[in-house]
Structures are given as structure tokens and as C-alpha cells.
Amino acid sequence: MHVSMYVLGDKYDIPMLCTHAAATFAECAESAMTEDFLSCVSLIYARVPDSSSDPLRKVVVAEITSRAYDIMTSEELADTVRELLHSIEGFREDVCFALLRNRAVENPSSLLTIRRSGTF
């Protein structure tokens, strides 16, 4: 529902509706990594403007990258996320770059090592 409200706010240029919908979506996303949350990913990437700076896309990518361990330890969640990564090109790119950015922040020298070894 929050995604639909955000889309309507964007379509009719109602910034306050977009802001409220994005904030409410973020609150819901923090509570649990569920199939309902994951089902929003395709809707967001299909109907929300194509921009990695979009607040809904940021929330989705942040939740996925921050809960990577939880996702990989749940076969059901891992399968769902794997399918989303394979089927939604923009999502795949956003998640990959977020993981690289997180790695660079946590350990900047690790990226230098990757570059020098020629695997990057």
C-alpha cells in the first residue's frame, strides 16, 4: 500500500505524500524481512522512477544488504532474493554496488587488494 501511495504522489506531484509513504514503508521494512516486503521489490522497480537515489529503492537495497546473513541462512528468503536479483536488472545493479560500497567503507584497503590482483 505504501508503494502505491508513493507512486500516486510521484505521478500527481504531491511531495508530501511521497515523503510520508516512503517513511512509512521504511518503518515497515525495518520490522521484518518477509515475503510481503520482498514482493514490493518488483513493484518498486517497475513503477517508481528509475533512480538509485529514490527513497523506496534506497530502503529496499539497504534492507537487503544489511540483512544478507539472515537472507542466506533462510533457504526460502535466499531463493526469493536470488530470483529477484536474476529478474530485475536495476535491483541487481543497485544491490551489487551497495555491497561494494559497504565493503569499501568497512575495509577500504580490501578494494585496493582486489584491484591489484586483477580480479576486479
PDB file of N, CA and C in Angstrom:
ATOM      1  N   MET A   1       0.808  -1.181   0.000  1.00  0.00           N
ATOM      2  CA  MET A   1       0.000   0.000   0.000  1.00  0.00           C
ATOM      3  C   MET A   1       0.862   1.261   0.000  1.00  0.00           C
ATOM      4  N   HIS A   2       1.953   1.270   0.769  1.00  0.00           N
ATOM      5  CA  HIS A   2       2.820   2.440   0.843  1.00  0.00           C
ATOM      6  C   HIS A   2       3.474   2.713  -0.506  1.00  0.00           C
ATOM      7  N   VAL A   3       3.831   1.648  -1.210  1.00  0.00           N
ATOM      8  CA  VAL A   3       4.437   1.805  -2.527  1.00  0.00           C
ATOM      9  C   VAL A   3       3.431   2.436  -3.485  1.00  0.00           C
ATOM     10  N   SER A   4       2.204   1.974  -3.453  1.00  0.00           N
ATOM     11  CA  SER A   4       1.160   2.537  -4.326  1.00  0.00           C
ATOM     12  C   SER A   4       0.920   4.012  -4.023  1.00  0.00           C
ATOM     13  N   MET A   5       0.922   4.366  -2.750  1.00  0.00           N
ATOM     14  CA  MET A   5       0.740   5.771  -2.378  1.00  0.00           C
ATOM     15  C   MET A   5       1.918   6.609  -2.876  1.00  0.00           C
ATOM     16  N   TYR A   6       3.113   6.059  -2.768  1.00  0.00           N
ATOM     17  CA  TYR A   6       4.300   6.766  -3.261  1.00  0.00           C
ATOM     18  C   TYR A   6       4.191   6.993  -4.768  1.00  0.00           C
ATOM     19  N   VAL A   7       3.780   5.966  -5.497  1.00  0.00           N
ATOM     20  CA  VAL A   7       3.633   6.070  -6.953  1.00  0.00           C
ATOM     21  C   VAL A   7       2.607   7.141  -7.307  1.00  0.00           C
ATOM     22  N   LEU A   8       1.490   7.170  -6.607  1.00  0.00           N
ATOM     23  CA  LEU A   8       0.471   8.197  -6.854  1.00  0.00           C
ATOM     24  C   LEU A   8       1.005   9.599  -6.533  1.00  0.00           C
ATOM     25  N   GLY A   9       1.715   9.715  -5.434  1.00  0.00           N
ATOM     26  CA  GLY A   9       2.305  11.005  -5.072  1.00  0.00           C
ATOM     27  C   GLY A   9       3.293  11.484  -6.108  1.00  0.00           C
ATOM     28  N   ASP A  10       4.060  10.552  -6.667  1.00  0.00           N
ATOM     29  CA  ASP A  10       5.012  10.913  -7.715  1.00  0.00           C
ATOM     30  C   ASP A  10       4.276  11.302  -8.992  1.00  0.00           C
ATOM     31  N   LYS A  11       3.282  10.524  -9.359  1.00  0.00           N
ATOM     32  CA  LYS A  11       2.524  10.768 -10.593  1.00  0.00           C
ATOM     33  C   LYS A  11       1.828  12.130 -10.568  1.00  0.00           C
ATOM     34  N   TYR A  12       1.227  12.476  -9.440  1.00  0.00           N
ATOM     35  CA  TYR A  12       0.470  13.715  -9.335  1.00  0.00           C
ATOM     36  C   TYR A  12       1.264  14.850  -8.666  1.00  0.00           C
ATOM     37  N   ASP A  13       2.582  14.639  -8.527  1.00  0.00           N
ATOM     38  CA  ASP A  13       3.477  15.652  -7.976  1.00  0.00           C
ATOM     39  C   ASP A  13       3.001  16.158  -6.611  1.00  0.00           C
ATOM     40  N   ILE A  14       2.876  15.201  -5.683  1.00  0.00           N
ATOM     41  CA  ILE A  14       2.492  15.519  -4.305  1.00  0.00           C
ATOM     42  C   ILE A  14       3.645  15.070  -3.404  1.00  0.00           C
ATOM     43  N   PRO A  15       4.648  15.938  -3.240  1.00  0.00           N
ATOM     44  CA  PRO A  15       5.857  15.556  -2.491  1.00  0.00           C
ATOM     45  C   PRO A  15       5.584  15.069  -1.064  1.00  0.00           C
ATOM     46  N   MET A  16       4.609  15.691  -0.384  1.00  0.00           N
ATOM     47  CA  MET A  16       4.345  15.272   0.999  1.00  0.00           C
ATOM     48  C   MET A  16       3.815  13.847   1.061  1.00  0.00           C
ATOM     49  N   LEU A  17       3.024  13.438   0.071  1.00  0.00           N
ATOM     50  CA  LEU A  17       2.537  12.063   0.025  1.00  0.00           C
ATOM     51  C   LEU A  17       3.699  11.105  -0.210  1.00  0.00           C
ATOM     52  N   CYS A  18       4.608  11.480  -1.113  1.00  0.00           N
ATOM     53  CA  CYS A  18       5.792  10.650  -1.364  1.00  0.00           C
ATOM     54  C   CYS A  18       6.634  10.504  -0.097  1.00  0.00           C
ATOM     55  N   THR A  19       6.850  11.616   0.582  1.00  0.00           N
ATOM     56  CA  THR A  19       7.670  11.601   1.801  1.00  0.00           C
ATOM     57  C   THR A  19       7.036  10.732   2.876  1.00  0.00           C
ATOM     58  N   HIS A  20       5.747  10.900   3.083  1.00  0.00           N
ATOM     59  CA  HIS A  20       5.042  10.111   4.109  1.00  0.00           C
ATOM     60  C   HIS A  20       5.033   8.621   3.737  1.00  0.00           C
ATOM     61  N   ALA A  21       4.732   8.315   2.485  1.00  0.00           N
ATOM     62  CA  ALA A  21       4.694   6.913   2.046  1.00  0.00           C
ATOM     63  C   ALA A  21       6.073   6.264   2.172  1.00  0.00           C
ATOM     64  N   ALA A  22       7.117   6.991   1.805  1.00  0.00           N
ATOM     65  CA  ALA A  22       8.479   6.447   1.900  1.00  0.00           C
ATOM     66  C   ALA A  22       8.875   6.209   3.357  1.00  0.00           C
ATOM     67  N   ALA A  23       8.537   7.149   4.229  1.00  0.00           N
ATOM     68  CA  ALA A  23       8.870   6.996   5.652  1.00  0.00           C
ATOM     69  C   ALA A  23       8.123   5.822   6.270  1.00  0.00           C
ATOM     70  N   THR A  24       6.863   5.679   5.935  1.00  0.00           N
ATOM     71  CA  THR A  24       6.064   4.574   6.468  1.00  0.00           C
ATOM     72  C   THR A  24       6.565   3.238   5.929  1.00  0.00           C
ATOM     73  N   PHE A  25       6.911   3.206   4.653  1.00  0.00           N
ATOM     74  CA  PHE A  25       7.467   1.992   4.059  1.00  0.00           C
ATOM     75  C   PHE A  25       8.769   1.615   4.767  1.00  0.00           C
ATOM     76  N   ALA A  26       9.614   2.601   5.040  1.00  0.00           N
ATOM     77  CA  ALA A  26      10.886   2.337   5.717  1.00  0.00           C
ATOM     78  C   ALA A  26      10.656   1.763   7.118  1.00  0.00           C
ATOM     79  N   GLU A  27       9.680   2.298   7.841  1.00  0.00           N
ATOM     80  CA  GLU A  27       9.365   1.776   9.173  1.00  0.00           C
ATOM     81  C   GLU A  27       8.915   0.317   9.098  1.00  0.00           C
ATOM     82  N   CYS A  28       8.070   0.019   8.145  1.00  0.00           N
ATOM     83  CA  CYS A  28       7.590  -1.365   7.977  1.00  0.00           C
ATOM     84  C   CYS A  28       8.722  -2.292   7.578  1.00  0.00           C
ATOM     85  N   ALA A  29       9.608  -1.814   6.727  1.00  0.00           N
ATOM     86  CA  ALA A  29      10.715  -2.647   6.235  1.00  0.00           C
ATOM     87  C   ALA A  29      11.669  -3.014   7.361  1.00  0.00           C
ATOM     88  N   GLU A  30      11.851  -2.120   8.318  1.00  0.00           N
ATOM     89  CA  GLU A  30      12.765  -2.374   9.426  1.00  0.00           C
ATOM     90  C   GLU A  30      12.283  -3.484  10.343  1.00  0.00           C
ATOM     91  N   SER A  31      10.982  -3.705  10.377  1.00  0.00           N
ATOM     92  CA  SER A  31      10.433  -4.643  11.347  1.00  0.00           C
ATOM     93  C   SER A  31      10.736  -6.102  11.015  1.00  0.00           C
ATOM     94  N   ALA A  32      10.740  -6.460   9.752  1.00  0.00           N
ATOM     95  CA  ALA A  32      10.996  -7.866   9.414  1.00  0.00           C
ATOM     96  C   ALA A  32      11.244  -8.041   7.926  1.00  0.00           C
ATOM     97  N   MET A  33      12.093  -8.988   7.592  1.00  0.00           N
ATOM     98  CA  MET A  33      12.335  -9.361   6.202  1.00  0.00           C
ATOM     99  C   MET A  33      11.325 -10.454   5.877  1.00  0.00           C
ATOM    100  N   THR A  34      10.274 -10.068   5.189  1.00  0.00           N
ATOM    101  CA  THR A  34       9.193 -11.005   4.908  1.00  0.00           C
ATOM    102  C   THR A  34       8.982 -11.144   3.407  1.00  0.00           C
ATOM    103  N   GLU A  35       8.198 -12.124   3.035  1.00  0.00           N
ATOM    104  CA  GLU A  35       7.832 -12.304   1.627  1.00  0.00           C
ATOM    105  C   GLU A  35       7.045 -11.087   1.141  1.00  0.00           C
ATOM    106  N   ASP A  36       6.232 -10.498   2.011  1.00  0.00           N
ATOM    107  CA  ASP A  36       5.474  -9.298   1.629  1.00  0.00           C
ATOM    108  C   ASP A  36       6.422  -8.156   1.267  1.00  0.00           C
ATOM    109  N   PHE A  37       7.439  -7.964   2.098  1.00  0.00           N
ATOM    110  CA  PHE A  37       8.425  -6.922   1.811  1.00  0.00           C
ATOM    111  C   PHE A  37       9.125  -7.223   0.481  1.00  0.00           C
ATOM    112  N   LEU A  38       9.540  -8.455   0.306  1.00  0.00           N
ATOM    113  CA  LEU A  38      10.257  -8.816  -0.915  1.00  0.00           C
ATOM    114  C   LEU A  38       9.371  -8.701  -2.155  1.00  0.00           C
ATOM    115  N   SER A  39       8.079  -8.919  -1.988  1.00  0.00           N
ATOM    116  CA  SER A  39       7.179  -8.788  -3.136  1.00  0.00           C
ATOM    117  C   SER A  39       7.072  -7.338  -3.600  1.00  0.00           C
ATOM    118  N   CYS A  40       7.400  -6.402  -2.737  1.00  0.00           N
ATOM    119  CA  CYS A  40       7.371  -4.984  -3.111  1.00  0.00           C
ATOM    120  C   CYS A  40       8.516  -4.618  -4.055  1.00  0.00           C
ATOM    121  N   VAL A  41       9.574  -5.394  -4.051  1.00  0.00           N
ATOM    122  CA  VAL A  41      10.749  -5.051  -4.853  1.00  0.00           C
ATOM    123  C   VAL A  41      10.395  -4.919  -6.330  1.00  0.00           C
ATOM    124  N   SER A  42       9.710  -5.910  -6.881  1.00  0.00           N
ATOM    125  CA  SER A  42       9.382  -5.831  -8.306  1.00  0.00           C
ATOM    126  C   SER A  42       8.443  -4.666  -8.593  1.00  0.00           C
ATOM    127  N   LEU A  43       7.522  -4.386  -7.689  1.00  0.00           N
ATOM    128  CA  LEU A  43       6.617  -3.257  -7.865  1.00  0.00           C
ATOM    129  C   LEU A  43       7.392  -1.940  -7.850  1.00  0.00           C
ATOM    130  N   ILE A  44       8.303  -1.810  -6.913  1.00  0.00           N
ATOM    131  CA  ILE A  44       9.098  -0.584  -6.807  1.00  0.00           C
ATOM    132  C   ILE A  44       9.940  -0.385  -8.067  1.00  0.00           C
ATOM    133  N   TYR A  45      10.605  -1.424  -8.514  1.00  0.00           N
ATOM    134  CA  TYR A  45      11.474  -1.278  -9.684  1.00  0.00           C
ATOM    135  C   TYR A  45      10.698  -1.152 -10.986  1.00  0.00           C
ATOM    136  N   ALA A  46       9.437  -1.537 -10.992  1.00  0.00           N
ATOM    137  CA  ALA A  46       8.622  -1.393 -12.196  1.00  0.00           C
ATOM    138  C   ALA A  46       7.901  -0.050 -12.252  1.00  0.00           C
ATOM    139  N   ARG A  47       7.510   0.483 -11.089  1.00  0.00           N
ATOM    140  CA  ARG A  47       6.611   1.644 -11.106  1.00  0.00           C
ATOM    141  C   ARG A  47       7.186   2.924 -10.522  1.00  0.00           C
ATOM    142  N   VAL A  48       8.310   2.823  -9.822  1.00  0.00           N
ATOM    143  CA  VAL A  48       8.912   4.007  -9.218  1.00  0.00           C
ATOM    144  C   VAL A  48       9.972   4.536 -10.181  1.00  0.00           C
ATOM    145  N   PRO A  49      10.135   5.846 -10.280  1.00  0.00           N
ATOM    146  CA  PRO A  49      11.109   6.417 -11.221  1.00  0.00           C
ATOM    147  C   PRO A  49      12.480   5.753 -11.133  1.00  0.00           C
ATOM    148  N   ASP A  50      13.091   5.596 -12.287  1.00  0.00           N
ATOM    149  CA  ASP A  50      14.376   4.897 -12.409  1.00  0.00           C
ATOM    150  C   ASP A  50      15.504   5.771 -11.876  1.00  0.00           C
ATOM    151  N   SER A  51      15.781   5.641 -10.592  1.00  0.00           N
ATOM    152  CA  SER A  51      16.839   6.413  -9.970  1.00  0.00           C
ATOM    153  C   SER A  51      17.292   5.704  -8.710  1.00  0.00           C
ATOM    154  N   SER A  52      18.598   5.486  -8.601  1.00  0.00           N
ATOM    155  CA  SER A  52      19.109   4.828  -7.400  1.00  0.00           C
ATOM    156  C   SER A  52      19.022   5.750  -6.184  1.00  0.00           C
ATOM    157  N   SER A  53      18.716   7.042  -6.400  1.00  0.00           N
ATOM    158  CA  SER A  53      18.552   7.957  -5.275  1.00  0.00           C
ATOM    159  C   SER A  53      17.106   7.983  -4.768  1.00  0.00           C
ATOM    160  N   ASP A  54      16.236   7.221  -5.400  1.00  0.00           N
ATOM    161  CA  ASP A  54      14.841   7.158  -4.963  1.00  0.00           C
ATOM    162  C   ASP A  54      14.767   6.565  -3.557  1.00  0.00           C
ATOM    163  N   PRO A  55      13.984   7.173  -2.651  1.00  0.00           N
ATOM    164  CA  PRO A  55      13.931   6.688  -1.266  1.00  0.00           C
ATOM    165  C   PRO A  55      13.443   5.251  -1.116  1.00  0.00           C
ATOM    166  N   LEU A  56      12.475   4.825  -1.918  1.00  0.00           N
ATOM    167  CA  LEU A  56      11.989   3.441  -1.786  1.00  0.00           C
ATOM    168  C   LEU A  56      13.067   2.450  -2.220  1.00  0.00           C
ATOM    169  N   ARG A  57      13.743   2.752  -3.311  1.00  0.00           N
ATOM    170  CA  ARG A  57      14.829   1.870  -3.762  1.00  0.00           C
ATOM    171  C   ARG A  57      15.947   1.826  -2.726  1.00  0.00           C
ATOM    172  N   LYS A  58      16.240   2.971  -2.129  1.00  0.00           N
ATOM    173  CA  LYS A  58      17.274   3.004  -1.089  1.00  0.00           C
ATOM    174  C   LYS A  58      16.897   2.108   0.088  1.00  0.00           C
ATOM    175  N   VAL A  59      15.637   2.168   0.502  1.00  0.00           N
ATOM    176  CA  VAL A  59      15.177   1.342   1.629  1.00  0.00           C
ATOM    177  C   VAL A  59      15.327  -0.141   1.288  1.00  0.00           C
ATOM    178  N   VAL A  60      14.854  -0.526   0.113  1.00  0.00           N
ATOM    179  CA  VAL A  60      14.912  -1.937  -0.288  1.00  0.00           C
ATOM    180  C   VAL A  60      16.354  -2.426  -0.329  1.00  0.00           C
ATOM    181  N   VAL A  61      17.223  -1.663  -0.963  1.00  0.00           N
ATOM    182  CA  VAL A  61      18.624  -2.077  -1.093  1.00  0.00           C
ATOM    183  C   VAL A  61      19.303  -2.116   0.270  1.00  0.00           C
ATOM    184  N   ALA A  62      19.041  -1.116   1.112  1.00  0.00           N
ATOM    185  CA  ALA A  62      19.641  -1.094   2.451  1.00  0.00           C
ATOM    186  C   ALA A  62      19.197  -2.291   3.281  1.00  0.00           C
ATOM    187  N   GLU A  63      17.918  -2.626   3.211  1.00  0.00           N
ATOM    188  CA  GLU A  63      17.413  -3.771   3.976  1.00  0.00           C
ATOM    189  C   GLU A  63      18.023  -5.082   3.475  1.00  0.00           C
ATOM    190  N   ILE A  64      18.106  -5.235   2.173  1.00  0.00           N
ATOM    191  CA  ILE A  64      18.682  -6.464   1.608  1.00  0.00           C
ATOM    192  C   ILE A  64      20.148  -6.589   1.991  1.00  0.00           C
ATOM    193  N   THR A  65      20.920  -5.520   1.828  1.00  0.00           N
ATOM    194  CA  THR A  65      22.356  -5.612   2.120  1.00  0.00           C
ATOM    195  C   THR A  65      22.629  -5.727   3.619  1.00  0.00           C
ATOM    196  N   SER A  66      21.832  -5.070   4.448  1.00  0.00           N
ATOM    197  CA  SER A  66      22.080  -5.147   5.893  1.00  0.00           C
ATOM    198  C   SER A  66      21.641  -6.489   6.487  1.00  0.00           C
ATOM    199  N   ARG A  67      20.788  -7.194   5.784  1.00  0.00           N
ATOM    200  CA  ARG A  67      20.299  -8.485   6.288  1.00  0.00           C
ATOM    201  C   ARG A  67      20.797  -9.657   5.447  1.00  0.00           C
ATOM    202  N   ALA A  68      21.933  -9.465   4.812  1.00  0.00           N
ATOM    203  CA  ALA A  68      22.468 -10.500   3.921  1.00  0.00           C
ATOM    204  C   ALA A  68      22.636 -11.844   4.651  1.00  0.00           C
ATOM    205  N   TYR A  69      23.128 -11.799   5.872  1.00  0.00           N
ATOM    206  CA  TYR A  69      23.329 -13.048   6.620  1.00  0.00           C
ATOM    207  C   TYR A  69      21.992 -13.748   6.872  1.00  0.00           C
ATOM    208  N   ASP A  70      20.989 -12.994   7.305  1.00  0.00           N
ATOM    209  CA  ASP A  70      19.666 -13.577   7.561  1.00  0.00           C
ATOM    210  C   ASP A  70      19.079 -14.189   6.291  1.00  0.00           C
ATOM    211  N   ILE A  71      19.269 -13.498   5.186  1.00  0.00           N
ATOM    212  CA  ILE A  71      18.749 -13.995   3.911  1.00  0.00           C
ATOM    213  C   ILE A  71      19.446 -15.296   3.524  1.00  0.00           C
ATOM    214  N   MET A  72      20.747 -15.320   3.648  1.00  0.00           N
ATOM    215  CA  MET A  72      21.489 -16.502   3.210  1.00  0.00           C
ATOM    216  C   MET A  72      21.313 -17.702   4.146  1.00  0.00           C
ATOM    217  N   THR A  73      20.852 -17.467   5.362  1.00  0.00           N
ATOM    218  CA  THR A  73      20.624 -18.584   6.278  1.00  0.00           C
ATOM    219  C   THR A  73      19.186 -19.088   6.233  1.00  0.00           C
ATOM    220  N   SER A  74      18.372 -18.471   5.395  1.00  0.00           N
ATOM    221  CA  SER A  74      16.998 -18.923   5.203  1.00  0.00           C
ATOM    222  C   SER A  74      16.850 -19.339   3.746  1.00  0.00           C
ATOM    223  N   GLU A  75      16.662 -20.608   3.523  1.00  0.00           N
ATOM    224  CA  GLU A  75      16.573 -21.101   2.153  1.00  0.00           C
ATOM    225  C   GLU A  75      15.443 -20.415   1.372  1.00  0.00           C
ATOM    226  N   GLU A  76      14.324 -20.223   2.028  1.00  0.00           N
ATOM    227  CA  GLU A  76      13.174 -19.602   1.373  1.00  0.00           C
ATOM    228  C   GLU A  76      13.474 -18.157   0.961  1.00  0.00           C
ATOM    229  N   LEU A  77      14.037 -17.366   1.907  1.00  0.00           N
ATOM    230  CA  LEU A  77      14.384 -15.985   1.587  1.00  0.00           C
ATOM    231  C   LEU A  77      15.486 -15.926   0.537  1.00  0.00           C
ATOM    232  N   ALA A  78      16.479 -16.787   0.670  1.00  0.00           N
ATOM    233  CA  ALA A  78      17.582 -16.798  -0.299  1.00  0.00           C
ATOM    234  C   ALA A  78      17.072 -17.089  -1.708  1.00  0.00           C
ATOM    235  N   ASP A  79      16.163 -18.034  -1.829  1.00  0.00           N
ATOM    236  CA  ASP A  79      15.598 -18.354  -3.149  1.00  0.00           C
ATOM    237  C   ASP A  79      14.826 -17.169  -3.721  1.00  0.00           C
ATOM    238  N   THR A  80      14.058 -16.503  -2.870  1.00  0.00           N
ATOM    239  CA  THR A  80      13.275 -15.351  -3.326  1.00  0.00           C
ATOM    240  C   THR A  80      14.185 -14.213  -3.766  1.00  0.00           C
ATOM    241  N   VAL A  81      15.183 -13.896  -2.958  1.00  0.00           N
ATOM    242  CA  VAL A  81      16.108 -12.816  -3.301  1.00  0.00           C
ATOM    243  C   VAL A  81      16.900 -13.172  -4.552  1.00  0.00           C
ATOM    244  N   ARG A  82      17.326 -14.409  -4.666  1.00  0.00           N
ATOM    245  CA  ARG A  82      18.053 -14.855  -5.863  1.00  0.00           C
ATOM    246  C   ARG A  82      17.204 -14.643  -7.117  1.00  0.00           C
ATOM    247  N   GLU A  83      15.943 -14.997  -7.048  1.00  0.00           N
ATOM    248  CA  GLU A  83      15.036 -14.809  -8.184  1.00  0.00           C
ATOM    249  C   GLU A  83      14.875 -13.323  -8.513  1.00  0.00           C
ATOM    250  N   LEU A  84      14.742 -12.493  -7.494  1.00  0.00           N
ATOM    251  CA  LEU A  84      14.627 -11.056  -7.724  1.00  0.00           C
ATOM    252  C   LEU A  84      15.890 -10.489  -8.370  1.00  0.00           C
ATOM    253  N   LEU A  85      17.040 -10.931  -7.891  1.00  0.00           N
ATOM    254  CA  LEU A  85      18.302 -10.461  -8.456  1.00  0.00           C
ATOM    255  C   LEU A  85      18.450 -10.875  -9.920  1.00  0.00           C
ATOM    256  N   HIS A  86      17.961 -12.053 -10.254  1.00  0.00           N
ATOM    257  CA  HIS A  86      18.044 -12.526 -11.639  1.00  0.00           C
ATOM    258  C   HIS A  86      17.038 -11.835 -12.544  1.00  0.00           C
ATOM    259  N   SER A  87      15.886 -11.487 -12.019  1.00  0.00           N
ATOM    260  CA  SER A  87      14.816 -10.987 -12.886  1.00  0.00           C
ATOM    261  C   SER A  87      14.707  -9.464 -12.963  1.00  0.00           C
ATOM    262  N   ILE A  88      15.315  -8.735 -12.026  1.00  0.00           N
ATOM    263  CA  ILE A  88      15.178  -7.272 -12.012  1.00  0.00           C
ATOM    264  C   ILE A  88      16.564  -6.651 -12.148  1.00  0.00           C
ATOM    265  N   GLU A  89      16.872  -6.230 -13.357  1.00  0.00           N
ATOM    266  CA  GLU A  89      18.218  -5.740 -13.649  1.00  0.00           C
ATOM    267  C   GLU A  89      18.637  -4.554 -12.780  1.00  0.00           C
ATOM    268  N   GLY A  90      17.808  -3.559 -12.636  1.00  0.00           N
ATOM    269  CA  GLY A  90      18.176  -2.406 -11.826  1.00  0.00           C
ATOM    270  C   GLY A  90      18.414  -2.767 -10.373  1.00  0.00           C
ATOM    271  N   PHE A  91      17.642  -3.684  -9.862  1.00  0.00           N
ATOM    272  CA  PHE A  91      17.796  -4.152  -8.484  1.00  0.00           C
ATOM    273  C   PHE A  91      19.136  -4.845  -8.312  1.00  0.00           C
ATOM    274  N   ARG A  92      19.459  -5.706  -9.253  1.00  0.00           N
ATOM    275  CA  ARG A  92      20.734  -6.436  -9.210  1.00  0.00           C
ATOM    276  C   ARG A  92      21.899  -5.452  -9.146  1.00  0.00           C
ATOM    277  N   GLU A  93      21.870  -4.450 -10.009  1.00  0.00           N
ATOM    278  CA  GLU A  93      22.946  -3.459 -10.049  1.00  0.00           C
ATOM    279  C   GLU A  93      23.016  -2.670  -8.741  1.00  0.00           C
ATOM    280  N   ASP A  94      21.868  -2.220  -8.243  1.00  0.00           N
ATOM    281  CA  ASP A  94      21.841  -1.433  -7.007  1.00  0.00           C
ATOM    282  C   ASP A  94      22.383  -2.229  -5.822  1.00  0.00           C
ATOM    283  N   VAL A  95      21.992  -3.495  -5.716  1.00  0.00           N
ATOM    284  CA  VAL A  95      22.464  -4.329  -4.603  1.00  0.00           C
ATOM    285  C   VAL A  95      23.969  -4.573  -4.716  1.00  0.00           C
ATOM    286  N   CYS A  96      24.447  -4.873  -5.905  1.00  0.00           N
ATOM    287  CA  CYS A  96      25.887  -5.120  -6.098  1.00  0.00           C
ATOM    288  C   CYS A  96      26.712  -3.897  -5.706  1.00  0.00           C
ATOM    289  N   PHE A  97      26.311  -2.722  -6.181  1.00  0.00           N
ATOM    290  CA  PHE A  97      27.061  -1.515  -5.846  1.00  0.00           C
ATOM    291  C   PHE A  97      26.956  -1.171  -4.363  1.00  0.00           C
ATOM    292  N   ALA A  98      25.813  -1.418  -3.753  1.00  0.00           N
ATOM    293  CA  ALA A  98      25.675  -1.159  -2.313  1.00  0.00           C
ATOM    294  C   ALA A  98      26.590  -2.082  -1.517  1.00  0.00           C
ATOM    295  N   LEU A  99      26.673  -3.347  -1.913  1.00  0.00           N
ATOM    296  CA  LEU A  99      27.568  -4.275  -1.218  1.00  0.00           C
ATOM    297  C   LEU A  99      29.023  -3.854  -1.382  1.00  0.00           C
ATOM    298  N   LEU A 100      29.394  -3.414  -2.580  1.00  0.00           N
ATOM    299  CA  LEU A 100      30.764  -2.927  -2.799  1.00  0.00           C
ATOM    300  C   LEU A 100      31.028  -1.674  -1.965  1.00  0.00           C
ATOM    301  N   ARG A 101      30.070  -0.766  -1.933  1.00  0.00           N
ATOM    302  CA  ARG A 101      30.225   0.464  -1.162  1.00  0.00           C
ATOM    303  C   ARG A 101      30.365   0.128   0.328  1.00  0.00           C
ATOM    304  N   ASN A 102      29.546  -0.773   0.821  1.00  0.00           N
ATOM    305  CA  ASN A 102      29.636  -1.180   2.226  1.00  0.00           C
ATOM    306  C   ASN A 102      30.995  -1.796   2.526  1.00  0.00           C
ATOM    307  N   ARG A 103      31.480  -2.614   1.616  1.00  0.00           N
ATOM    308  CA  ARG A 103      32.786  -3.251   1.797  1.00  0.00           C
ATOM    309  C   ARG A 103      33.893  -2.204   1.818  1.00  0.00           C
ATOM    310  N   ALA A 104      33.786  -1.207   0.940  1.00  0.00           N
ATOM    311  CA  ALA A 104      34.790  -0.149   0.884  1.00  0.00           C
ATOM    312  C   ALA A 104      34.807   0.678   2.160  1.00  0.00           C
ATOM    313  N   VAL A 105      33.628   0.923   2.731  1.00  0.00           N
ATOM    314  CA  VAL A 105      33.545   1.702   3.961  1.00  0.00           C
ATOM    315  C   VAL A 105      34.117   0.902   5.137  1.00  0.00           C
ATOM    316  N   GLU A 106      33.783  -0.390   5.184  1.00  0.00           N
ATOM    317  CA  GLU A 106      34.252  -1.240   6.283  1.00  0.00           C
ATOM    318  C   GLU A 106      35.750  -1.486   6.217  1.00  0.00           C
ATOM    319  N   ASN A 107      36.273  -1.668   4.995  1.00  0.00           N
ATOM    320  CA  ASN A 107      37.679  -2.010   4.836  1.00  0.00           C
ATOM    321  C   ASN A 107      38.180  -1.457   3.501  1.00  0.00           C
ATOM    322  N   PRO A 108      38.537  -0.167   3.456  1.00  0.00           N
ATOM    323  CA  PRO A 108      38.931   0.454   2.194  1.00  0.00           C
ATOM    324  C   PRO A 108      40.102  -0.239   1.496  1.00  0.00           C
ATOM    325  N   SER A 109      41.013  -0.805   2.244  1.00  0.00           N
ATOM    326  CA  SER A 109      42.173  -1.439   1.611  1.00  0.00           C
ATOM    327  C   SER A 109      41.798  -2.725   0.880  1.00  0.00           C
ATOM    328  N   SER A 110      40.637  -3.321   1.204  1.00  0.00           N
ATOM    329  CA  SER A 110      40.233  -4.554   0.529  1.00  0.00           C
ATOM    330  C   SER A 110      39.975  -4.325  -0.950  1.00  0.00           C
ATOM    331  N   LEU A 111      39.454  -3.153  -1.309  1.00  0.00           N
ATOM    332  CA  LEU A 111      39.217  -2.863  -2.719  1.00  0.00           C
ATOM    333  C   LEU A 111      40.519  -2.653  -3.462  1.00  0.00           C
ATOM    334  N   LEU A 112      41.510  -2.070  -2.794  1.00  0.00           N
ATOM    335  CA  LEU A 112      42.811  -1.918  -3.439  1.00  0.00           C
ATOM    336  C   LEU A 112      43.433  -3.273  -3.720  1.00  0.00           C
ATOM    337  N   THR A 113      43.289  -4.184  -2.785  1.00  0.00           N
ATOM    338  CA  THR A 113      43.814  -5.533  -2.964  1.00  0.00           C
ATOM    339  C   THR A 113      43.120  -6.218  -4.144  1.00  0.00           C
ATOM    340  N   ILE A 114      41.827  -6.067  -4.251  1.00  0.00           N
ATOM    341  CA  ILE A 114      41.085  -6.666  -5.354  1.00  0.00           C
ATOM    342  C   ILE A 114      41.551  -6.076  -6.676  1.00  0.00           C
ATOM    343  N   ARG A 115      41.720  -4.768  -6.745  1.00  0.00           N
ATOM    344  CA  ARG A 115      42.148  -4.119  -7.976  1.00  0.00           C
ATOM    345  C   ARG A 115      43.550  -4.569  -8.390  1.00  0.00           C
ATOM    346  N   ARG A 116      44.458  -4.649  -7.431  1.00  0.00           N
ATOM    347  CA  ARG A 116      45.840  -5.055  -7.744  1.00  0.00           C
ATOM    348  C   ARG A 116      45.922  -6.487  -8.206  1.00  0.00           C
ATOM    349  N   SER A 117      45.049  -7.333  -7.696  1.00  0.00           N
ATOM    350  CA  SER A 117      45.110  -8.738  -8.059  1.00  0.00           C
ATOM    351  C   SER A 117      44.512  -8.998  -9.444  1.00  0.00           C
ATOM    352  N   GLY A 118      43.829  -7.997 -10.000  1.00  0.00           N
ATOM    353  CA  GLY A 118      43.281  -8.143 -11.334  1.00  0.00           C
ATOM    354  C   GLY A 118      41.948  -8.842 -11.387  1.00  0.00           C
ATOM    355  N   THR A 119      41.320  -9.073 -10.249  1.00  0.00           N
ATOM    356  CA  THR A 119      40.026  -9.764 -10.253  1.00  0.00           C
ATOM    357  C   THR A 119      38.872  -8.784 -10.234  1.00  0.00           C
ATOM    358  N   PHE A 120      39.154  -7.515 -10.256  1.00  0.00           N
ATOM    359  CA  PHE A 120      38.086  -6.513 -10.211  1.00  0.00           C
ATOM    360  C   PHE A 120      38.049  -5.743 -11.495  1.00  0.00           C
TER     361      PHE A 120
END
